[in-house]
Amino acid sequence: MGSGCFFTLPWYRMELNLFEVASADMTVSCKGVFILNKTVFERGSVGHIRIHVLPTTRFKTFAVSLYAGIPLNEETVTTAALTPFVLRRGTVSYPETIQFRKQLEHLYGAGFGFDVYKRGNYQIIQFRVDTINDEFVSSSDSLLHKTFSFLGEVVTKPVTENGVFREAYVNSERETVRKKLEAIINDKIRYAAERCMEEMFRGDPYRLHPLGQRKDLDGITPASLYEAFQQWLQQANLDLYVVGDTTLAEVQELVEQHFTLGRSSSPVYVPVKSEAAGGDVRVVEEVLDVNQGKLNMGLRIPVTYGDDQYAAALLYNGILGSYPHSKLFINVREKESLAYYAASRFDGHKGIISIQSGIEIANYSKALEIIKAQLASLRDGQISELEMSQTKAMLRNTLLEMQDSAFDIVAYDFNRVLSGRERPVEELLRQIEAITPEDVVRVANSVELDTIYFLTGKKEA
C-alpha cells in the first residue's frame, strides 16, 4: 500500500502487488502467439546512485523515476514518510509552493509526484517526473536537462530557514500525514488489512505502515526532520530510472550536474523472507462500531520474487482469490452469498498471502469454514483446467498491458534491484505457461495459515 501526492498531470495509480515490467516491444504472430522483442536497460552509477536507462522512441515523453529505500524502522519510518511531503513544498530556486508548481508549467505541464510504500522490509519513497520529449515542442533548451535540474533541486536543495526546514511547511505537512493515517481508520477495509498485518508481524518491521505512526508526528520539529533528511540522503538505496529517447552517457552527465550528495557508500537491498512462526494459528477479534464484519487472514508462503517457484506462486494466488473466476470469489461470494467481497493478495517481496473479505457479522464461522475449504481444495489438487487457463490468461494480459506504460516498465525492472533476481518479462511469461497443476499443489502445501483477524461490531449487552 502506498500514499503520496501528484501534481499537474492526471496520474493514474496502480498497485502492482504481484509483480511490479523488463522492457520489451510486443508483436503478435499469425498464430496469435505473443512474441517479445527484448530491449534492455543500460546500467551505470554516479556518486553512489545506481542509474538505469532504457533508450527508446516508443514514448513521446521522458519517464524519470527516483527510488529511495531504507529499512523499515520504528525510529525512522515517520520522519522518512514526512520528508517528501515537505520537499514538494519548495526548493531554493522556487521557495514558494506556487512558484514550485509554476515551474512545472514551464516544463510544458510536466507531471511531478511521489509515493510512499513498502516492499518487503523496506520503506520506499518514489519520485516521478513525466515530461514531454523535446521533439514534440518548440523549446530552445532540453526539457530532459530542465527536468533533471528540477528533480535534483527537489531532492538535494529544499527551501530552508535558519539552516533547517521551513517551519510553516513542516507544520502543514505534518497535518497532511496525520490526516492520511487517520483516513485509514475511517476506511475499515484498509484498517482491517493493516491490523491483520500488525498482528501477524508483531515482532517484525513489516508491521509498520509506510506513512509512519501518528504518535511520533507531534515530536517532529523542523530541525529534527532536517537532520533525519540529511541522514536519509546518505543512507538510502538510490536508484534512478529514465525511459525515453536518451542515452546512459547523457543521464550520467545530468546526474553529475544536478545530484551532488557527497555519499560515501552504495547500500544494497537485502531480501528478507517471512519465516514460519510455528505454533497455533493466532486468532484476533477487534470490536468497533461497524455494521459489516471484516474477516482477514494472513498466510505465510516460502516463495518470493527471487525464487524459482515464483511463477507457480502467482498461479496459486490467482486461482485462490485474485480474479472473478477465483475460488474465493466463486465459492464464498457467488455460490454461498457470504461475502460482499472476497479476494487474496500475494506479496512477492515478503512471502505472504493475505485474504480479505467483508461479511455479515453473523456469518463469521461459516465464512471462515468455507475459506479454509478453498485452501484445502488447492492442497488436495482440486484445480480445473479452466481455472488454470483463465489464470494464466489473466497474468499474461497483465504483463503485456504493462508494456504500454513507461512507469510500469520501470516498476517491474525495480523488482530486480529489490530481489537480486534478473527476471525478464518474456522469461516470466514462459514460466507461467509451463506451470502445471502439480506445481501449484506443491506451492499450496507449503502455505501456512498464520493469523485470523476479525473486525466485528459492538456486541449487545
Protein backbone atom coordinates (compact mmCIF):
# COMPACT_ATOMS: atom_id res chain seq x y z
CA MET A 1 0.00 0.00 0.00
CA GLY A 2 1.23 3.46 -0.71
CA SER A 3 0.29 7.05 -0.27
CA GLY A 4 1.58 10.10 -1.99
CA CYS A 5 0.87 13.22 -3.96
CA PHE A 6 0.82 14.15 -7.62
CA PHE A 7 0.77 17.47 -9.44
CA THR A 8 -0.38 18.66 -12.85
CA LEU A 9 -0.79 15.53 -14.96
CA PRO A 10 -3.78 13.22 -14.39
CA TRP A 11 -1.68 10.41 -12.91
CA TYR A 12 -3.28 7.04 -12.69
CA ARG A 13 -2.04 4.90 -9.84
CA MET A 14 -1.78 1.18 -9.92
CA GLU A 15 -0.89 -1.16 -7.08
CA LEU A 16 1.47 -3.68 -8.63
CA ASN A 17 1.00 -6.31 -5.97
CA LEU A 18 2.01 -9.39 -7.89
CA PHE A 19 4.97 -8.23 -9.91
CA GLU A 20 5.88 -4.78 -10.29
CA VAL A 21 7.73 -4.81 -16.22
CA ALA A 22 11.61 -5.60 -18.03
CA SER A 23 11.26 -3.71 -21.09
CA ALA A 24 10.05 -5.29 -24.27
CA ASP A 25 8.30 -4.44 -27.51
CA MET A 26 5.34 -6.64 -28.37
CA THR A 27 4.27 -8.14 -31.65
CA VAL A 28 1.75 -10.87 -32.46
CA SER A 29 2.47 -13.73 -34.80
CA CYS A 30 -0.05 -15.09 -37.31
CA LYS A 31 -0.88 -17.89 -34.86
CA GLY A 32 -1.75 -15.44 -32.11
CA VAL A 33 1.40 -16.21 -30.08
CA PHE A 34 2.89 -13.25 -28.29
CA ILE A 35 6.50 -12.56 -29.23
CA LEU A 36 8.55 -10.14 -27.15
CA ASN A 37 11.47 -8.43 -28.81
CA LYS A 38 13.71 -7.82 -25.85
CA THR A 39 15.13 -4.40 -25.13
CA VAL A 40 17.47 -3.88 -22.23
CA PHE A 41 18.12 -1.24 -19.61
CA GLU A 42 21.61 0.20 -19.67
CA ARG A 43 23.17 0.33 -16.19
CA GLY A 44 25.69 2.61 -14.56
CA SER A 45 26.29 4.67 -11.43
CA VAL A 46 27.32 8.17 -10.41
CA GLY A 47 28.05 9.31 -6.88
CA HIS A 48 26.74 6.06 -5.36
CA ILE A 49 23.44 6.44 -7.23
CA ARG A 50 22.55 3.46 -9.41
CA ILE A 51 21.35 4.52 -12.86
CA HIS A 52 19.07 2.54 -15.19
CA VAL A 53 18.32 3.91 -18.65
CA LEU A 54 16.06 2.47 -21.33
CA PRO A 55 16.79 4.28 -24.62
CA THR A 56 13.59 4.08 -26.67
CA THR A 57 11.46 6.12 -29.06
CA ARG A 58 8.27 4.25 -28.15
CA PHE A 59 7.02 7.03 -25.88
CA LYS A 60 6.52 10.74 -26.52
CA THR A 61 7.70 11.60 -23.02
CA PHE A 62 10.65 11.05 -20.72
CA ALA A 63 9.70 9.00 -17.66
CA VAL A 64 12.07 9.73 -14.80
CA SER A 65 11.76 7.85 -11.52
CA LEU A 66 13.95 8.05 -8.42
CA TYR A 67 13.57 5.30 -5.82
CA ALA A 68 14.92 5.92 -2.32
CA GLY A 69 14.64 2.95 0.02
CA ILE A 70 15.63 2.43 3.65
CA PRO A 71 14.94 -0.47 6.02
CA LEU A 72 11.62 -0.20 7.85
CA ASN A 73 12.48 1.01 11.32
CA GLU A 74 10.34 2.36 14.11
CA GLU A 75 12.80 5.19 14.75
CA THR A 76 12.89 6.50 11.17
CA VAL A 77 9.64 5.43 9.48
CA THR A 78 7.67 8.59 10.36
CA THR A 79 10.36 11.16 9.54
CA ALA A 80 11.13 9.42 6.24
CA ALA A 81 7.43 9.39 5.33
CA LEU A 82 7.02 13.09 6.15
CA THR A 83 10.11 14.15 4.18
CA PRO A 84 8.73 14.04 0.59
CA PHE A 85 5.62 15.96 1.67
CA VAL A 86 7.87 18.79 2.84
CA LEU A 87 10.18 18.53 -0.18
CA ARG A 88 7.25 19.07 -2.56
CA ARG A 89 6.51 22.47 -0.99
CA GLY A 90 9.52 24.39 -2.28
CA THR A 91 13.20 24.49 -3.24
CA VAL A 92 15.99 27.08 -3.11
CA SER A 93 15.03 28.39 -6.57
CA TYR A 94 11.27 28.00 -6.04
CA PRO A 95 10.76 28.62 -2.32
CA GLU A 96 7.01 29.24 -2.53
CA THR A 97 4.71 26.38 -3.44
CA ILE A 98 3.02 28.42 -6.17
CA GLN A 99 6.45 29.04 -7.75
CA PHE A 100 7.18 25.32 -7.49
CA ARG A 101 4.02 24.46 -9.41
CA LYS A 102 4.54 27.17 -11.99
CA GLN A 103 7.94 25.69 -12.83
CA LEU A 104 6.13 22.51 -13.87
CA GLU A 105 4.02 24.61 -16.21
CA HIS A 106 7.23 26.00 -17.71
CA LEU A 107 8.19 22.38 -18.40
CA TYR A 108 5.13 22.14 -20.69
CA GLY A 109 2.92 20.77 -17.97
CA ALA A 110 5.32 18.14 -16.67
CA GLY A 111 3.86 15.76 -14.12
CA PHE A 112 5.60 15.54 -10.77
CA GLY A 113 4.61 13.24 -7.96
CA PHE A 114 5.77 10.92 -5.25
CA ASP A 115 4.57 7.83 -3.46
CA VAL A 116 5.46 6.22 -0.14
CA TYR A 117 5.06 2.47 0.25
CA LYS A 118 6.83 -0.66 1.46
CA ARG A 119 8.36 -3.58 -0.38
CA GLY A 120 9.36 -6.41 1.89
CA ASN A 121 11.10 -4.88 4.92
CA TYR A 122 11.91 -1.63 3.14
CA GLN A 123 10.19 1.75 3.11
CA ILE A 124 10.34 3.13 -0.42
CA ILE A 125 9.88 6.74 -1.46
CA GLN A 126 9.48 7.12 -5.21
CA PHE A 127 9.67 10.46 -7.02
CA ARG A 128 8.34 10.57 -10.58
CA VAL A 129 8.52 13.15 -13.33
CA ASP A 130 6.91 12.77 -16.73
CA THR A 131 7.95 15.40 -19.25
CA ILE A 132 7.40 15.66 -22.98
CA ASN A 133 10.14 14.80 -25.46
CA ASP A 134 11.83 17.87 -26.97
CA GLU A 135 10.95 16.60 -30.43
CA PHE A 136 7.28 17.45 -29.90
CA VAL A 137 7.65 21.03 -28.60
CA SER A 138 9.44 24.17 -29.74
CA SER A 139 11.81 24.52 -26.81
CA SER A 140 15.26 26.03 -27.20
CA ASP A 141 16.53 24.18 -24.12
CA SER A 142 16.49 20.45 -23.46
CA LEU A 143 13.44 19.55 -21.38
CA LEU A 144 15.24 16.48 -20.06
CA HIS A 145 18.02 18.74 -18.77
CA LYS A 146 15.45 21.06 -17.17
CA THR A 147 13.69 18.05 -15.64
CA PHE A 148 16.90 16.85 -14.01
CA SER A 149 17.63 20.34 -12.76
CA PHE A 150 14.17 20.47 -11.18
CA LEU A 151 14.19 16.97 -9.66
CA GLY A 152 17.77 17.32 -8.42
CA GLU A 153 16.85 20.53 -6.61
CA VAL A 154 13.72 18.97 -5.11
CA VAL A 155 15.76 16.18 -3.58
CA THR A 156 19.00 17.97 -2.67
CA LYS A 157 18.17 21.69 -2.25
CA PRO A 158 14.91 22.16 -0.35
CA VAL A 159 13.99 25.60 0.90
CA THR A 160 15.25 26.23 4.46
CA GLU A 161 15.05 28.84 7.21
CA ASN A 162 17.88 29.25 9.70
CA GLY A 163 19.52 26.12 8.34
CA VAL A 164 16.51 23.81 8.81
CA PHE A 165 13.23 23.11 7.04
CA ARG A 166 10.74 25.97 6.86
CA GLU A 167 8.56 25.69 9.94
CA ALA A 168 5.28 26.54 8.20
CA TYR A 169 5.83 23.74 5.67
CA VAL A 170 6.68 21.17 8.34
CA ASN A 171 3.64 22.07 10.42
CA SER A 172 1.31 21.94 7.41
CA GLU A 173 2.59 18.66 6.00
CA ARG A 174 2.68 17.02 9.42
CA GLU A 175 -1.09 17.52 9.48
CA THR A 176 -1.36 16.16 5.94
CA VAL A 177 0.31 12.92 7.01
CA ARG A 178 -1.77 12.78 10.19
CA LYS A 179 -4.98 13.03 8.16
CA LYS A 180 -3.82 10.29 5.79
CA LEU A 181 -3.14 7.97 8.72
CA GLU A 182 -6.49 8.83 10.31
CA ALA A 183 -8.20 8.13 6.99
CA ILE A 184 -7.05 4.52 7.28
CA ILE A 185 -9.09 4.15 10.47
CA ASN A 186 -12.17 5.50 8.72
CA ASP A 187 -11.69 3.12 5.78
CA LYS A 188 -12.48 -0.15 7.52
CA ILE A 189 -11.32 -2.33 4.61
CA ARG A 190 -7.84 -0.76 4.74
CA TYR A 191 -7.90 -0.69 8.52
CA ALA A 192 -8.63 -4.41 8.80
CA ALA A 193 -5.89 -5.22 6.29
CA GLU A 194 -3.35 -3.18 8.25
CA ARG A 195 -4.41 -4.60 11.60
CA CYS A 196 -4.12 -8.16 10.33
CA MET A 197 -0.52 -7.49 9.23
CA GLU A 198 0.26 -5.79 12.55
CA GLU A 199 -0.91 -8.85 14.45
CA MET A 200 0.83 -11.26 12.10
CA PHE A 201 4.16 -9.41 12.28
CA ARG A 202 4.17 -8.23 15.87
CA GLY A 203 7.96 -8.51 16.20
CA ASP A 204 8.83 -7.74 12.58
CA PRO A 205 9.42 -4.32 10.94
CA TYR A 206 6.87 -5.30 8.29
CA ARG A 207 4.15 -4.42 10.81
CA LEU A 208 4.92 -0.71 10.32
CA HIS A 209 2.81 1.38 7.98
CA PRO A 210 4.97 3.17 5.38
CA LEU A 211 3.41 6.52 6.34
CA GLY A 212 4.68 6.10 9.88
CA GLN A 213 2.99 6.39 13.25
CA ARG A 214 0.66 9.13 14.43
CA LYS A 215 2.18 9.09 17.91
CA ASP A 216 5.52 10.26 16.51
CA LEU A 217 4.28 13.22 14.47
CA ASP A 218 3.98 15.80 17.26
CA GLY A 219 7.60 15.27 18.31
CA ILE A 220 8.99 16.10 14.86
CA THR A 221 10.45 19.62 14.59
CA PRO A 222 11.90 21.44 11.56
CA ALA A 223 15.38 20.82 12.98
CA SER A 224 14.89 17.12 13.77
CA LEU A 225 13.27 16.49 10.38
CA TYR A 226 16.07 18.26 8.52
CA GLU A 227 18.68 16.20 10.38
CA ALA A 228 16.77 12.99 9.57
CA PHE A 229 16.53 14.13 5.93
CA GLN A 230 20.32 14.54 5.70
CA GLN A 231 20.85 11.05 7.12
CA TRP A 232 18.22 9.65 4.76
CA LEU A 233 20.04 11.12 1.73
CA GLN A 234 23.25 9.41 2.80
CA GLN A 235 21.86 6.04 3.83
CA ALA A 236 19.06 5.32 1.35
CA ASN A 237 19.36 2.95 -1.58
CA LEU A 238 19.10 5.31 -4.56
CA ASP A 239 18.04 4.04 -7.99
CA LEU A 240 17.33 6.49 -10.79
CA TYR A 241 15.43 5.30 -13.87
CA VAL A 242 14.92 7.05 -17.20
CA VAL A 243 12.83 5.74 -20.08
CA GLY A 244 12.87 7.74 -23.32
CA ASP A 245 14.92 8.98 -26.24
CA THR A 246 18.20 9.42 -24.38
CA THR A 247 21.40 7.54 -23.51
CA LEU A 248 23.14 6.30 -20.41
CA ALA A 249 26.01 8.73 -21.03
CA GLU A 250 23.66 11.72 -21.18
CA VAL A 251 21.85 10.69 -18.00
CA GLN A 252 25.11 10.12 -16.12
CA GLU A 253 26.24 13.61 -17.07
CA LEU A 254 22.94 15.07 -15.85
CA VAL A 255 23.21 13.21 -12.54
CA GLU A 256 26.73 14.56 -12.04
CA GLN A 257 25.44 18.09 -12.61
CA HIS A 258 22.29 18.02 -10.51
CA PHE A 259 22.59 15.35 -7.80
CA THR A 260 25.53 16.38 -5.64
CA LEU A 261 25.09 14.36 -2.46
CA GLY A 262 28.59 13.56 -1.21
CA ARG A 263 27.62 9.97 -0.49
CA SER A 264 30.33 7.61 0.70
CA SER A 265 28.68 4.25 0.05
CA SER A 266 26.20 2.39 -2.15
CA PRO A 267 23.88 0.33 0.07
CA VAL A 268 22.08 -2.64 -1.44
CA TYR A 269 18.73 -4.25 -0.73
CA VAL A 270 18.80 -7.45 1.29
CA PRO A 271 15.62 -9.52 0.79
CA VAL A 272 14.07 -10.87 4.00
CA LYS A 273 11.55 -13.69 3.72
CA SER A 274 8.62 -14.22 6.02
CA GLU A 275 9.55 -17.06 8.35
CA ALA A 276 7.02 -19.56 9.65
CA ALA A 277 6.11 -18.64 13.21
CA GLY A 278 5.09 -22.15 14.23
CA GLY A 279 2.51 -22.96 16.87
CA ASP A 280 -1.23 -22.45 16.69
CA VAL A 281 -2.99 -20.08 14.36
CA ARG A 282 -3.35 -16.67 16.03
CA VAL A 283 -6.99 -15.52 16.21
CA VAL A 284 -7.69 -11.85 16.91
CA GLU A 285 -11.12 -10.26 17.26
CA GLU A 286 -11.49 -6.48 17.43
CA VAL A 287 -14.74 -4.71 18.21
CA LEU A 288 -15.54 -1.34 16.63
CA ASP A 289 -18.67 0.49 15.58
CA VAL A 290 -19.15 -1.32 12.26
CA ASN A 291 -22.16 -2.89 10.60
CA GLN A 292 -20.20 -5.17 8.29
CA GLY A 293 -17.58 -7.59 9.56
CA LYS A 294 -14.12 -7.75 8.03
CA LEU A 295 -12.57 -11.21 8.02
CA ASN A 296 -8.89 -11.09 7.12
CA MET A 297 -6.37 -13.92 7.11
CA GLY A 298 -2.59 -13.85 6.89
CA LEU A 299 -0.73 -16.82 5.37
CA ARG A 300 3.00 -17.40 5.06
CA ILE A 301 4.41 -18.75 1.80
CA PRO A 302 8.12 -19.65 1.47
CA VAL A 303 8.29 -18.25 -2.07
CA THR A 304 9.39 -14.75 -3.07
CA TYR A 305 10.21 -12.93 -6.29
CA GLY A 306 13.73 -14.32 -6.40
CA ASP A 307 12.70 -17.98 -6.15
CA ASP A 308 12.27 -20.47 -8.98
CA GLN A 309 8.74 -21.24 -7.74
CA TYR A 310 7.58 -17.61 -8.13
CA ALA A 311 5.50 -18.28 -11.25
CA ALA A 312 3.76 -21.20 -9.54
CA ALA A 313 3.01 -18.94 -6.56
CA LEU A 314 1.41 -16.42 -8.93
CA LEU A 315 -0.83 -19.18 -10.30
CA TYR A 316 -1.69 -20.32 -6.78
CA ASN A 317 -2.74 -16.86 -5.67
CA GLY A 318 -4.62 -16.24 -8.92
CA ILE A 319 -6.65 -19.42 -8.57
CA LEU A 320 -7.25 -18.74 -4.89
CA GLY A 321 -8.55 -15.21 -4.98
CA SER A 322 -7.19 -12.61 -7.39
CA TYR A 323 -9.79 -12.77 -10.16
CA PRO A 324 -13.55 -13.11 -10.73
CA HIS A 325 -13.07 -16.78 -11.63
CA SER A 326 -11.05 -17.50 -8.44
CA LYS A 327 -12.18 -19.93 -5.76
CA LEU A 328 -12.82 -17.29 -3.11
CA PHE A 329 -14.94 -15.15 -5.40
CA ILE A 330 -16.94 -18.07 -6.81
CA ASN A 331 -17.45 -20.12 -3.65
CA VAL A 332 -17.57 -17.54 -0.86
CA ARG A 333 -19.20 -14.61 -2.62
CA GLU A 334 -21.23 -16.05 -5.51
CA LYS A 335 -22.38 -19.54 -4.51
CA GLU A 336 -22.84 -19.02 -0.78
CA SER A 337 -23.51 -15.24 -0.81
CA LEU A 338 -21.48 -14.97 2.36
CA ALA A 339 -19.25 -12.06 1.43
CA TYR A 340 -19.60 -8.62 -0.13
CA TYR A 341 -16.06 -9.11 -1.37
CA ALA A 342 -13.51 -11.92 -1.06
CA ALA A 343 -10.03 -11.80 -2.54
CA SER A 344 -6.39 -12.66 -1.93
CA ARG A 345 -3.16 -10.74 -2.46
CA PHE A 346 0.39 -12.11 -2.82
CA ASP A 347 3.31 -10.01 -1.58
CA GLY A 348 6.18 -11.45 -3.57
CA HIS A 349 8.82 -9.45 -1.72
CA LYS A 350 7.90 -10.69 1.75
CA GLY A 351 6.44 -14.13 1.13
CA ILE A 352 2.89 -13.68 2.41
CA ILE A 353 -0.63 -14.07 1.11
CA SER A 354 -3.43 -12.05 2.65
CA ILE A 355 -7.11 -12.88 2.31
CA GLN A 356 -9.68 -10.12 2.71
CA SER A 357 -13.44 -10.47 2.92
CA GLY A 358 -16.38 -8.38 4.01
CA ILE A 359 -19.16 -10.40 5.62
CA GLU A 360 -22.28 -10.18 7.73
CA ILE A 361 -21.09 -10.45 11.32
CA ALA A 362 -23.35 -13.44 11.98
CA ASN A 363 -21.73 -15.35 9.09
CA TYR A 364 -18.24 -15.37 10.60
CA SER A 365 -17.99 -19.09 11.39
CA LYS A 366 -19.47 -20.25 8.12
CA ALA A 367 -17.38 -17.85 6.03
CA LEU A 368 -14.21 -18.92 7.82
CA GLU A 369 -15.07 -22.58 7.24
CA ILE A 370 -15.62 -22.08 3.50
CA ILE A 371 -12.45 -20.01 3.06
CA LYS A 372 -10.45 -22.74 4.79
CA ALA A 373 -12.12 -25.26 2.47
CA GLN A 374 -10.74 -23.37 -0.55
CA LEU A 375 -7.24 -23.59 0.88
CA ALA A 376 -7.74 -27.31 1.46
CA SER A 377 -9.06 -27.87 -2.06
CA LEU A 378 -5.87 -26.38 -3.52
CA ARG A 379 -3.74 -28.59 -1.29
CA ASP A 380 -5.76 -31.59 -2.47
CA GLY A 381 -5.26 -30.71 -6.13
CA GLN A 382 -8.85 -29.75 -6.90
CA ILE A 383 -7.82 -27.45 -9.76
CA SER A 384 -9.74 -27.46 -13.01
CA GLU A 385 -8.25 -26.97 -16.44
CA LEU A 386 -10.44 -23.88 -16.80
CA GLU A 387 -9.04 -22.36 -13.59
CA MET A 388 -5.51 -22.92 -14.87
CA SER A 389 -6.13 -21.49 -18.33
CA GLN A 390 -8.09 -18.47 -17.13
CA THR A 391 -5.50 -17.59 -14.50
CA LYS A 392 -2.64 -17.88 -16.99
CA ALA A 393 -4.55 -15.66 -19.40
CA MET A 394 -5.13 -13.01 -16.73
CA LEU A 395 -1.47 -12.99 -15.68
CA ARG A 396 -0.32 -12.87 -19.29
CA ASN A 397 -2.63 -9.98 -20.12
CA THR A 398 -1.46 -8.01 -17.09
CA LEU A 399 2.19 -8.42 -18.04
CA LEU A 400 1.59 -7.47 -21.65
CA GLU A 401 -0.58 -4.47 -20.82
CA MET A 402 2.19 -3.12 -18.60
CA GLN A 403 4.37 -2.73 -21.66
CA ASP A 404 2.25 0.28 -22.67
CA SER A 405 3.36 2.30 -19.64
CA ALA A 406 6.93 3.52 -19.16
CA PHE A 407 6.45 3.71 -15.40
CA ASP A 408 5.11 0.14 -15.27
CA ILE A 409 8.18 -0.99 -17.21
CA VAL A 410 10.33 0.77 -14.63
CA ALA A 411 8.39 -0.69 -11.71
CA TYR A 412 8.84 -4.23 -13.00
CA ASP A 413 12.58 -3.76 -13.50
CA PHE A 414 12.89 -2.36 -9.98
CA ASN A 415 11.96 -5.85 -8.74
CA ARG A 416 15.40 -6.94 -9.97
CA VAL A 417 17.03 -4.36 -7.70
CA LEU A 418 14.92 -5.36 -4.70
CA SER A 419 15.35 -9.11 -5.09
CA GLY A 420 18.69 -9.53 -6.83
CA ARG A 421 16.95 -11.76 -9.39
CA GLU A 422 17.03 -10.94 -13.09
CA ARG A 423 13.64 -11.98 -14.45
CA PRO A 424 12.87 -10.59 -17.93
CA VAL A 425 9.19 -10.40 -18.67
CA GLU A 426 9.45 -12.87 -21.54
CA GLU A 427 11.06 -15.37 -19.15
CA LEU A 428 8.24 -14.97 -16.63
CA LEU A 429 5.68 -15.44 -19.40
CA ARG A 430 7.33 -18.71 -20.44
CA GLN A 431 7.42 -19.88 -16.84
CA ILE A 432 3.75 -19.10 -16.32
CA GLU A 433 2.76 -21.03 -19.43
CA ALA A 434 4.80 -24.03 -18.27
CA ILE A 435 3.23 -24.29 -14.80
CA THR A 436 1.23 -27.48 -14.18
CA PRO A 437 -1.46 -28.19 -11.58
CA GLU A 438 1.13 -30.30 -9.75
CA ASP A 439 3.38 -27.24 -9.44
CA VAL A 440 0.51 -25.27 -7.92
CA VAL A 441 -0.27 -28.09 -5.47
CA ARG A 442 3.35 -28.11 -4.28
CA VAL A 443 3.09 -24.41 -3.52
CA ALA A 444 -0.31 -24.91 -1.87
CA ASN A 445 1.15 -27.46 0.52
CA SER A 446 3.87 -25.03 1.57
CA VAL A 447 1.39 -22.29 2.55
CA GLU A 448 0.68 -21.95 6.27
CA LEU A 449 -2.22 -20.10 7.84
CA ASP A 450 -0.75 -17.80 10.50
CA THR A 451 -3.30 -15.22 11.62
CA ILE A 452 -7.08 -14.78 11.54
CA TYR A 453 -8.27 -11.25 12.21
CA PHE A 454 -11.96 -10.39 12.55
CA LEU A 455 -13.23 -6.83 12.83
CA THR A 456 -16.72 -7.04 14.27
CA GLY A 457 -19.42 -4.69 15.54
CA LYS A 458 -20.27 -3.77 19.08
CA LYS A 459 -21.95 -6.63 20.86
CA GLU A 460 -25.30 -6.19 22.53
CA ALA A 461 -25.36 -6.22 26.31
